[in-house]
């Protein structure tokens, strides 16, 4: 009776595993190179 929580949990896990891995690395590298 609480599919919203389940969907949110799955989405957060996927985003947390797919975002904080390739996004931060690429963003940090690009920013460091352009800023530095």
C-alpha atoms as a PDB file:
ATOM      1  CA  UNK A   1       0.000   0.000   0.000  1.00  0.00           C
ATOM      2  CA  UNK A   2       3.130   2.194  -0.161  1.00  0.00           C
ATOM      3  CA  UNK A   3       4.580   1.929  -3.677  1.00  0.00           C
ATOM      4  CA  UNK A   4       5.817   5.531  -3.541  1.00  0.00           C
ATOM      5  CA  UNK A   5       8.354   4.626  -0.851  1.00  0.00           C
ATOM      6  CA  UNK A   6       9.528   1.549  -2.763  1.00  0.00           C
ATOM      7  CA  UNK A   7       9.934   3.481  -6.013  1.00  0.00           C
ATOM      8  CA  UNK A   8      11.703   6.337  -4.226  1.00  0.00           C
ATOM      9  CA  UNK A   9      14.066   3.895  -2.508  1.00  0.00           C
ATOM     10  CA  UNK A  10      14.948   2.176  -5.791  1.00  0.00           C
ATOM     11  CA  UNK A  11      15.366   5.491  -7.599  1.00  0.00           C
ATOM     12  CA  UNK A  12      17.560   6.910  -4.825  1.00  0.00           C
ATOM     13  CA  UNK A  13      19.770   3.815  -4.784  1.00  0.00           C
ATOM     14  CA  UNK A  14      20.205   3.848  -8.572  1.00  0.00           C
ATOM     15  CA  UNK A  15      20.854   7.592  -8.638  1.00  0.00           C
ATOM     16  CA  UNK A  16      23.246   7.343  -5.687  1.00  0.00           C
ATOM     17  CA  UNK A  17      25.189   4.558  -7.419  1.00  0.00           C
ATOM     18  CA  UNK A  18      25.088   6.028 -10.927  1.00  0.00           C
ATOM     19  CA  UNK A  19      25.453   9.724 -10.076  1.00  0.00           C
ATOM     20  CA  UNK A  20      28.119   9.987  -7.361  1.00  0.00           C
ATOM     21  CA  UNK A  21      30.438   7.792  -9.453  1.00  0.00           C
ATOM     22  CA  UNK A  22      30.743   9.135 -13.029  1.00  0.00           C
ATOM     23  CA  UNK A  23      29.176  12.566 -12.477  1.00  0.00           C
ATOM     24  CA  UNK A  24      31.369  13.896  -9.637  1.00  0.00           C
ATOM     25  CA  UNK A  25      34.547  12.505 -11.205  1.00  0.00           C
ATOM     26  CA  UNK A  26      33.855  14.075 -14.624  1.00  0.00           C
ATOM     27  CA  UNK A  27      32.568  17.318 -13.095  1.00  0.00           C
ATOM     28  CA  UNK A  28      35.502  17.626 -10.685  1.00  0.00           C
ATOM     29  CA  UNK A  29      38.057  16.831 -13.384  1.00  0.00           C
ATOM     30  CA  UNK A  30      36.513  19.244 -15.888  1.00  0.00           C
ATOM     31  CA  UNK A  31      36.184  21.993 -13.290  1.00  0.00           C
ATOM     32  CA  UNK A  32      39.707  21.473 -11.991  1.00  0.00           C
ATOM     33  CA  UNK A  33      41.154  21.558 -15.492  1.00  0.00           C
ATOM     34  CA  UNK A  34      39.216  24.647 -16.568  1.00  0.00           C
ATOM     35  CA  UNK A  35      39.629  26.463 -13.241  1.00  0.00           C
ATOM     36  CA  UNK A  36      43.237  25.351 -12.709  1.00  0.00           C
END
